[in-house]
Amino acid sequence: MEVFHCYEFLLMRKFQEDSLLWNELKAETWVNLKTFLGAFQDRVLKTKVDGSDCVENDTDVSRYKKISADLWFLAVTLEKSPHRLLAFLNSELRQESEDVQIPGQTVLARYLSHYNFVEMHLDSIFKYGETATLPKELFRCRNVRVLSLNFNNLEWIPPDVGRLCCLERLSLTNNRLQNKSVPHTLTFCHHLKELYLDNNLLDALPGFLLDMPQLCTVHRHGNHNYFKATFMWYHTDVNDRVLHVLDEVQKRRKPTSSYNPDSLLFLSATALVSSNINFFEPGLLPNTLQEYVADMYPKFSICDNCHTAVPYSSSGYRVFTFKNPYLGNTCVPFQHWACSRSCAEAIEIPAHQEQMRAAERMDEEYDNYIREIQNEEISLPNRSFCTLL
């Protein structure tokens, strides 16, 4: 089982940023590759047979290259995954000798495509204050089942996460995600069973999670204003749980008489997003159109009722609903977006009715429990008198 680790990601990112280092490593590897591979050959073969991916206490590593402290991820990669790195370097050198190069493909993309990764453990890959932007190459590994992105100060997740059709567990704890930071394309991950959103900035769960019946576990503890939202809207009526919102940009926008028609490409992307079709499905669209729609996706707000896609700056309605119970938890708040008042009420009113029915069921269960306890107390022997022997 191939696992992509954070130190490998940092190394490939460094190679992309520092072409001199990448060329230097390849130049040294050209000269010393056979010797270096020979030094590791027995151990690499042994680790492959044993199922291990680690070469420890090897003096050839330190003799091969003295690695500086700021390249610690190179040292760790040589220690933990030597055969994987060397096999990739060997492949790169062979392709260069054969003059086989794919224009525009990054080092990270080539490394990921070289292996069949099924897990990605990418916690803490961004430093504090660094712009936390996930490269799209990570989401081209369609066989990934586990993706961990904890402690990364992420403010949004790319729509390309919808490409991970085999994804079963997604961990996004300890970031800066808000409700609209999690894209609607997550619904394309039909095998997703576990979602971890603890310690973010959510005041409710995204409403589209209710359209993902395969989910078995959703963790959302430690979120900013989460409990405040729960108590604020749980006992209010429809007028307080359907809130009209107007984007700040639109508020400041001055009326204009000019008319700028949308391009056909933009209109086609709008239609695709509104259709709620998985446009990442292989063979459905040309790759260039897939890329364009994915790039445009964050610029839309999608109605949770009719799935209409409108520009992100358009006015709409924020709707709060509650699910009780939801995956073993009580009184779980969800936040939806609606394009019109009628769509907002179509979301809120049935949800509110279901909430009331659930509350009545819980009250009935509680009353039955109290009656059972009282009946047990009545049937017990009278202990008010004490018999002395």
Protein backbone atom coordinates (compact mmCIF):
# COMPACT_ATOMS: atom_id res chain seq x y z
CA MET A 1 0.00 0.00 0.00
CA GLU A 2 1.60 3.24 -1.20
CA VAL A 3 1.42 6.17 1.24
CA PHE A 4 2.41 9.70 0.26
CA HIS A 5 3.98 11.47 3.24
CA CYS A 6 4.40 15.14 4.10
CA TYR A 7 8.20 15.03 3.78
CA GLU A 8 7.89 13.76 0.21
CA PHE A 9 5.51 16.58 -0.62
CA LEU A 10 7.90 19.17 0.84
CA LEU A 11 10.78 17.68 -1.12
CA MET A 12 8.92 17.75 -4.45
CA ARG A 13 7.73 21.28 -3.76
CA LYS A 14 11.32 22.32 -3.05
CA PHE A 15 12.45 20.78 -6.33
CA GLN A 16 9.77 22.80 -8.15
CA GLU A 17 10.77 26.04 -6.46
CA ASP A 18 14.52 25.49 -6.72
CA SER A 19 15.39 24.22 -10.19
CA LEU A 20 19.12 24.54 -9.41
CA LEU A 21 18.79 22.07 -6.54
CA TRP A 22 16.77 19.71 -8.71
CA ASN A 23 19.33 19.83 -11.51
CA GLU A 24 22.19 19.44 -9.02
CA LEU A 25 20.64 16.36 -7.51
CA LYS A 26 20.02 14.85 -10.94
CA ALA A 27 23.59 15.66 -12.03
CA GLU A 28 25.03 13.96 -8.96
CA THR A 29 22.67 11.08 -9.39
CA TRP A 30 23.74 10.65 -13.03
CA VAL A 31 27.29 10.09 -11.87
CA ASN A 32 26.64 8.15 -8.68
CA LEU A 33 23.32 6.45 -9.37
CA LYS A 34 24.73 2.97 -10.02
CA THR A 35 27.01 3.16 -7.00
CA PHE A 36 24.28 4.61 -4.83
CA LEU A 37 21.74 2.03 -5.97
CA GLY A 38 24.28 -0.72 -5.45
CA ALA A 39 24.85 0.38 -1.88
CA PHE A 40 21.14 0.18 -1.23
CA GLN A 41 20.22 -2.74 -3.45
CA ASP A 42 20.25 -5.49 -0.88
CA ARG A 43 18.50 -3.40 1.75
CA VAL A 44 15.91 -2.08 -0.69
CA LEU A 45 15.06 -5.56 -1.88
CA LYS A 46 14.86 -6.73 1.73
CA THR A 47 12.55 -3.88 2.74
CA LYS A 48 10.30 -4.59 -0.24
CA VAL A 49 10.03 -8.24 0.78
CA ASP A 50 9.47 -7.39 4.45
CA GLY A 51 6.89 -4.72 3.60
CA SER A 52 9.01 -2.01 5.21
CA ASP A 53 9.94 1.25 3.51
CA CYS A 54 12.79 2.34 5.71
CA VAL A 55 16.57 1.99 5.54
CA GLU A 56 18.15 2.70 8.89
CA ASN A 57 21.68 3.17 10.18
CA ASP A 58 23.25 3.27 6.76
CA THR A 59 26.56 5.08 6.63
CA ASP A 60 26.43 5.26 2.84
CA VAL A 61 23.73 7.92 3.15
CA SER A 62 25.93 10.31 5.09
CA ARG A 63 28.89 9.56 2.84
CA TYR A 64 26.80 10.17 -0.27
CA LYS A 65 25.79 13.71 0.57
CA LYS A 66 25.92 15.88 3.63
CA ILE A 67 22.43 17.35 3.78
CA SER A 68 21.86 20.78 5.32
CA ALA A 69 19.30 21.33 8.06
CA ASP A 70 16.93 23.31 5.84
CA LEU A 71 16.65 20.24 3.60
CA TRP A 72 15.61 17.94 6.42
CA PHE A 73 12.82 16.51 4.28
CA LEU A 74 15.42 15.19 1.82
CA ALA A 75 17.23 13.44 4.66
CA VAL A 76 13.99 11.96 5.96
CA THR A 77 12.97 10.80 2.48
CA LEU A 78 16.33 9.06 2.01
CA GLU A 79 15.87 7.42 5.39
CA LYS A 80 12.21 6.46 5.17
CA SER A 81 11.58 5.96 1.44
CA PRO A 82 14.92 5.57 -0.34
CA HIS A 83 13.88 3.10 -3.02
CA ARG A 84 10.88 5.22 -4.00
CA LEU A 85 12.95 8.38 -4.46
CA LEU A 86 15.73 6.57 -6.29
CA ALA A 87 13.33 4.77 -8.58
CA PHE A 88 11.74 8.11 -9.45
CA LEU A 89 15.14 9.72 -10.11
CA ASN A 90 16.09 6.76 -12.28
CA SER A 91 12.88 7.19 -14.27
CA GLU A 92 13.51 10.94 -14.66
CA LEU A 93 17.04 10.35 -15.90
CA ARG A 94 15.92 7.69 -18.34
CA GLN A 95 13.22 9.98 -19.77
CA GLU A 96 15.72 12.80 -20.16
CA SER A 97 18.15 10.53 -21.97
CA GLU A 98 15.33 9.48 -24.30
CA ASP A 99 14.15 13.09 -24.63
CA VAL A 100 10.68 12.16 -23.37
CA GLN A 101 9.24 15.18 -21.56
CA ILE A 102 5.65 16.31 -21.06
CA PRO A 103 5.49 20.12 -21.33
CA GLY A 104 4.10 21.93 -18.29
CA GLN A 105 4.08 18.89 -16.01
CA THR A 106 5.55 19.61 -12.58
CA VAL A 107 7.95 17.47 -10.60
CA LEU A 108 5.20 16.82 -8.06
CA ALA A 109 2.79 15.69 -10.79
CA ARG A 110 5.36 13.29 -12.25
CA TYR A 111 6.19 11.87 -8.82
CA LEU A 112 2.53 11.29 -7.96
CA SER A 113 1.80 9.67 -11.31
CA HIS A 114 4.81 7.38 -10.89
CA TYR A 115 3.15 5.56 -7.96
CA ASN A 116 -0.32 4.35 -7.10
CA PHE A 117 -0.85 6.26 -3.86
CA VAL A 118 -3.89 5.22 -1.81
CA GLU A 119 -3.20 7.35 1.27
CA MET A 120 -1.89 10.90 1.67
CA HIS A 121 -0.74 12.08 5.09
CA LEU A 122 -0.10 15.79 4.56
CA ASP A 123 -0.45 17.32 8.01
CA SER A 124 1.46 20.54 8.79
CA ILE A 125 2.88 21.06 5.29
CA PHE A 126 2.52 24.86 5.50
CA LYS A 127 4.43 27.12 7.87
CA TYR A 128 2.69 29.74 9.97
CA GLY A 129 2.05 32.82 7.85
CA GLU A 130 2.67 30.96 4.61
CA THR A 131 -0.04 31.07 1.93
CA ALA A 132 -1.80 27.75 2.34
CA THR A 133 -2.78 26.74 -1.20
CA LEU A 134 -3.10 23.07 -2.04
CA PRO A 135 -1.66 22.17 -5.48
CA LYS A 136 -4.14 20.61 -7.88
CA GLU A 137 -1.75 17.76 -8.57
CA LEU A 138 -2.70 16.19 -5.24
CA PHE A 139 -6.22 15.56 -6.49
CA ARG A 140 -5.19 13.74 -9.66
CA CYS A 141 -4.56 10.53 -7.69
CA ARG A 142 -7.95 8.97 -8.23
CA ASN A 143 -7.22 5.87 -6.11
CA VAL A 144 -6.61 7.80 -2.88
CA ARG A 145 -8.82 6.47 -0.08
CA VAL A 146 -7.43 8.47 2.86
CA LEU A 147 -6.51 12.16 2.77
CA SER A 148 -5.27 13.95 5.88
CA LEU A 149 -4.75 17.73 5.78
CA ASN A 150 -4.74 18.63 9.47
CA PHE A 151 -2.93 21.65 10.97
CA ASN A 152 -2.44 23.46 7.66
CA ASN A 153 -4.18 26.82 8.29
CA LEU A 154 -6.31 26.14 5.22
CA GLU A 155 -9.02 28.67 4.43
CA TRP A 156 -10.61 26.74 1.57
CA ILE A 157 -10.53 23.35 -0.13
CA PRO A 158 -10.17 23.26 -3.95
CA PRO A 159 -13.17 21.95 -5.90
CA ASP A 160 -10.78 19.36 -7.37
CA VAL A 161 -11.37 17.28 -4.24
CA GLY A 162 -14.35 15.95 -6.19
CA ARG A 163 -11.91 14.06 -8.43
CA LEU A 164 -11.12 11.64 -5.58
CA CYS A 165 -13.82 9.14 -6.47
CA CYS A 166 -12.39 6.45 -4.13
CA LEU A 167 -11.98 8.72 -1.11
CA GLU A 168 -13.26 7.13 2.12
CA ARG A 169 -11.79 9.32 4.87
CA LEU A 170 -11.08 13.05 4.78
CA SER A 171 -9.50 14.80 7.76
CA LEU A 172 -9.49 18.62 7.81
CA THR A 173 -9.10 19.38 11.50
CA ASN A 174 -7.33 22.43 12.96
CA ASN A 175 -7.64 24.70 9.93
CA ARG A 176 -9.52 27.96 9.24
CA LEU A 177 -12.41 26.57 7.21
CA GLN A 178 -15.76 28.34 7.13
CA ASN A 179 -19.04 27.04 5.79
CA LYS A 180 -18.37 28.04 2.17
CA SER A 181 -14.78 26.82 2.37
CA VAL A 182 -15.88 23.23 1.78
CA PRO A 183 -16.90 22.87 -1.89
CA HIS A 184 -20.13 21.28 -3.06
CA THR A 185 -18.03 18.97 -5.26
CA LEU A 186 -17.41 16.90 -2.14
CA THR A 187 -20.75 15.25 -2.97
CA PHE A 188 -19.00 13.64 -5.96
CA CYS A 189 -17.02 11.49 -3.48
CA HIS A 190 -19.63 8.75 -3.28
CA HIS A 191 -17.47 6.48 -1.10
CA LEU A 192 -16.69 9.08 1.57
CA LYS A 193 -17.63 7.62 4.96
CA GLU A 194 -15.61 9.67 7.48
CA LEU A 195 -15.26 13.45 7.58
CA TYR A 196 -13.37 15.29 10.32
CA LEU A 197 -13.92 19.06 10.62
CA ASP A 198 -12.93 19.68 14.24
CA ASN A 199 -11.39 22.99 15.33
CA ASN A 200 -12.25 25.18 12.36
CA LEU A 201 -14.39 28.33 11.99
CA LEU A 202 -17.69 26.65 11.15
CA ASP A 203 -20.87 27.91 12.80
CA ALA A 204 -22.77 24.98 11.25
CA LEU A 205 -22.12 22.02 8.98
CA PRO A 206 -22.48 22.50 5.20
CA GLY A 207 -26.05 21.65 4.23
CA PHE A 208 -25.05 19.44 1.30
CA LEU A 209 -23.70 16.85 3.74
CA LEU A 210 -27.32 15.81 4.22
CA ASP A 211 -27.25 14.70 0.57
CA MET A 212 -24.45 12.24 1.32
CA PRO A 213 -26.17 9.23 2.92
CA GLN A 214 -23.02 7.13 2.82
CA LEU A 215 -21.40 9.26 5.55
CA CYS A 216 -21.03 7.30 8.79
CA THR A 217 -18.90 9.69 10.85
CA VAL A 218 -18.79 13.50 10.89
CA HIS A 219 -16.77 15.21 13.63
CA ARG A 220 -17.23 18.95 14.11
CA HIS A 221 -16.22 19.74 17.69
CA GLY A 222 -14.31 22.86 18.71
CA ASN A 223 -15.63 25.12 15.96
CA HIS A 224 -15.88 28.89 16.40
CA ASN A 225 -19.45 30.05 17.21
CA TYR A 226 -20.76 26.51 16.67
CA PHE A 227 -22.71 26.23 19.92
CA LYS A 228 -23.76 29.88 19.71
CA ALA A 229 -25.46 29.13 16.38
CA THR A 230 -27.05 26.02 17.84
CA PHE A 231 -28.79 27.82 20.71
CA MET A 232 -29.53 30.98 18.73
CA TRP A 233 -31.58 29.41 15.95
CA TYR A 234 -32.94 26.19 17.41
CA HIS A 235 -36.00 27.77 19.04
CA THR A 236 -36.68 30.49 16.44
CA ASP A 237 -39.28 30.47 13.67
CA VAL A 238 -38.83 30.46 9.91
CA ASN A 239 -38.40 34.26 9.70
CA ASP A 240 -35.30 34.10 11.88
CA ARG A 241 -33.78 30.99 10.33
CA VAL A 242 -34.08 32.25 6.75
CA LEU A 243 -31.78 35.26 6.49
CA HIS A 244 -31.49 37.45 3.41
CA VAL A 245 -27.85 38.19 2.68
CA LEU A 246 -26.33 40.75 0.35
CA ASP A 247 -22.67 40.54 -0.57
CA GLU A 248 -20.55 43.49 0.58
CA VAL A 249 -19.23 44.02 -2.94
CA GLN A 250 -22.77 44.26 -4.27
CA LYS A 251 -23.71 46.76 -1.56
CA ARG A 252 -20.94 49.12 -2.69
CA ARG A 253 -21.55 48.59 -6.39
CA LYS A 254 -22.85 51.64 -8.23
CA PRO A 255 -25.55 51.28 -10.89
CA THR A 256 -24.20 51.30 -14.42
CA SER A 257 -25.78 51.41 -17.81
CA SER A 258 -23.08 49.37 -19.54
CA TYR A 259 -23.87 45.79 -20.48
CA ASN A 260 -21.21 43.12 -20.63
CA PRO A 261 -22.64 39.83 -21.90
CA ASP A 262 -21.22 36.60 -20.49
CA SER A 263 -19.13 34.43 -22.76
CA LEU A 264 -20.45 31.14 -24.09
CA LEU A 265 -17.71 29.36 -22.13
CA PHE A 266 -18.88 30.98 -18.90
CA LEU A 267 -22.53 30.14 -19.67
CA SER A 268 -21.61 26.51 -20.37
CA ALA A 269 -19.73 26.32 -17.05
CA THR A 270 -22.76 27.79 -15.26
CA ALA A 271 -25.03 25.20 -16.85
CA LEU A 272 -22.70 22.37 -15.89
CA VAL A 273 -22.46 23.50 -12.27
CA SER A 274 -26.25 23.96 -12.07
CA SER A 275 -26.86 20.47 -13.46
CA ASN A 276 -25.12 18.93 -10.41
CA ILE A 277 -23.39 16.49 -12.76
CA ASN A 278 -19.98 15.15 -11.76
CA PHE A 279 -18.02 16.95 -14.47
CA PHE A 280 -14.84 15.21 -13.23
CA GLU A 281 -16.13 11.88 -14.53
CA PRO A 282 -13.49 10.52 -16.95
CA GLY A 283 -14.49 10.91 -20.57
CA LEU A 284 -17.44 13.23 -19.88
CA LEU A 285 -15.67 16.48 -20.77
CA PRO A 286 -12.39 17.49 -22.40
CA ASN A 287 -9.65 18.09 -19.85
CA THR A 288 -9.42 21.79 -20.71
CA LEU A 289 -13.14 22.27 -20.01
CA GLN A 290 -12.85 20.31 -16.76
CA GLU A 291 -10.05 22.60 -15.67
CA TYR A 292 -12.03 25.70 -16.59
CA VAL A 293 -15.14 24.60 -14.70
CA ALA A 294 -13.05 23.68 -11.64
CA ASP A 295 -11.37 27.12 -11.74
CA MET A 296 -14.74 28.86 -12.04
CA TYR A 297 -16.47 26.75 -9.37
CA PRO A 298 -15.47 28.91 -6.35
CA LYS A 299 -17.03 31.92 -8.09
CA PHE A 300 -20.50 30.41 -7.81
CA SER A 301 -23.01 30.01 -5.01
CA ILE A 302 -25.12 26.88 -5.46
CA CYS A 303 -28.68 26.66 -4.24
CA ASP A 304 -29.20 23.67 -1.95
CA ASN A 305 -32.77 23.31 -3.20
CA CYS A 306 -32.80 23.73 -6.98
CA HIS A 307 -28.99 23.55 -7.55
CA THR A 308 -29.02 26.79 -9.52
CA ALA A 309 -25.53 28.31 -9.76
CA VAL A 310 -25.34 32.10 -9.50
CA PRO A 311 -22.30 34.40 -9.17
CA TYR A 312 -20.82 34.34 -5.69
CA SER A 313 -21.50 38.06 -5.21
CA SER A 314 -25.26 37.66 -5.84
CA SER A 315 -27.73 38.16 -3.03
CA GLY A 316 -29.42 35.10 -1.62
CA TYR A 317 -30.67 33.48 1.56
CA ARG A 318 -28.76 31.76 4.33
CA VAL A 319 -30.86 29.01 5.89
CA PHE A 320 -30.29 27.19 9.18
CA THR A 321 -31.77 23.78 9.81
CA PHE A 322 -31.25 21.15 12.50
CA LYS A 323 -30.99 17.39 12.34
CA ASN A 324 -31.87 15.53 15.49
CA PRO A 325 -30.35 12.98 15.69
CA TYR A 326 -27.57 13.02 13.11
CA LEU A 327 -25.02 10.19 13.12
CA GLY A 328 -25.47 9.63 16.84
CA ASN A 329 -25.44 13.33 17.76
CA THR A 330 -28.36 15.48 18.86
CA CYS A 331 -29.33 18.95 17.62
CA VAL A 332 -26.79 19.28 14.80
CA PRO A 333 -27.04 22.63 12.91
CA PHE A 334 -26.65 22.84 9.13
CA GLN A 335 -26.25 25.95 7.02
CA HIS A 336 -27.66 26.10 3.49
CA TRP A 337 -27.66 28.69 0.74
CA ALA A 338 -30.77 29.39 -1.34
CA CYS A 339 -31.14 31.51 -4.45
CA SER A 340 -34.67 32.75 -3.60
CA ARG A 341 -37.11 33.03 -0.73
CA SER A 342 -39.20 30.17 -2.09
CA CYS A 343 -36.17 27.88 -2.26
CA ALA A 344 -35.18 28.92 1.26
CA GLU A 345 -38.63 28.02 2.61
CA ALA A 346 -38.57 24.76 0.64
CA ILE A 347 -35.44 23.87 2.63
CA GLU A 348 -36.39 25.24 6.05
CA ILE A 349 -40.08 24.36 6.47
CA PRO A 350 -39.80 20.57 5.92
CA ALA A 351 -36.65 20.51 8.04
CA HIS A 352 -38.43 22.41 10.83
CA GLN A 353 -41.38 20.03 10.68
CA GLU A 354 -39.05 17.05 10.91
CA GLN A 355 -37.28 18.73 13.83
CA MET A 356 -40.60 19.10 15.68
CA ARG A 357 -41.53 15.47 15.00
CA ALA A 358 -38.12 14.37 16.28
CA ALA A 359 -38.62 16.49 19.42
CA GLU A 360 -42.04 14.89 19.99
CA ARG A 361 -40.53 11.43 19.60
CA MET A 362 -37.81 12.26 22.12
CA ASP A 363 -40.40 13.65 24.56
CA GLU A 364 -42.46 10.49 24.18
CA GLU A 365 -39.41 8.30 24.76
CA TYR A 366 -38.55 10.33 27.85
CA ASP A 367 -42.10 10.06 29.21
CA ASN A 368 -42.06 6.29 28.66
CA TYR A 369 -38.74 6.06 30.46
CA ILE A 370 -40.09 8.03 33.45
CA ARG A 371 -43.19 5.80 33.63
CA GLU A 372 -41.02 2.67 33.56
CA ILE A 373 -38.90 3.99 36.42
CA GLN A 374 -42.00 4.90 38.41
CA ASN A 375 -43.55 1.46 37.84
CA GLU A 376 -40.35 -0.20 39.01
CA GLU A 377 -40.39 1.87 42.20
CA ILE A 378 -44.03 0.93 42.88
CA SER A 379 -43.31 -2.77 42.43
CA LEU A 380 -40.39 -2.69 44.91
CA PRO A 381 -41.01 -3.91 48.53
CA ASN A 382 -41.99 -1.25 51.03
CA ARG A 383 -38.84 -0.34 52.93
CA SER A 384 -40.35 2.31 55.21
CA PHE A 385 -40.41 -0.13 58.15
CA CYS A 386 -37.48 -1.92 59.67
CA THR A 387 -38.00 -5.29 61.33
CA LEU A 388 -35.78 -5.96 64.31
CA LEU A 389 -34.87 -9.55 64.96
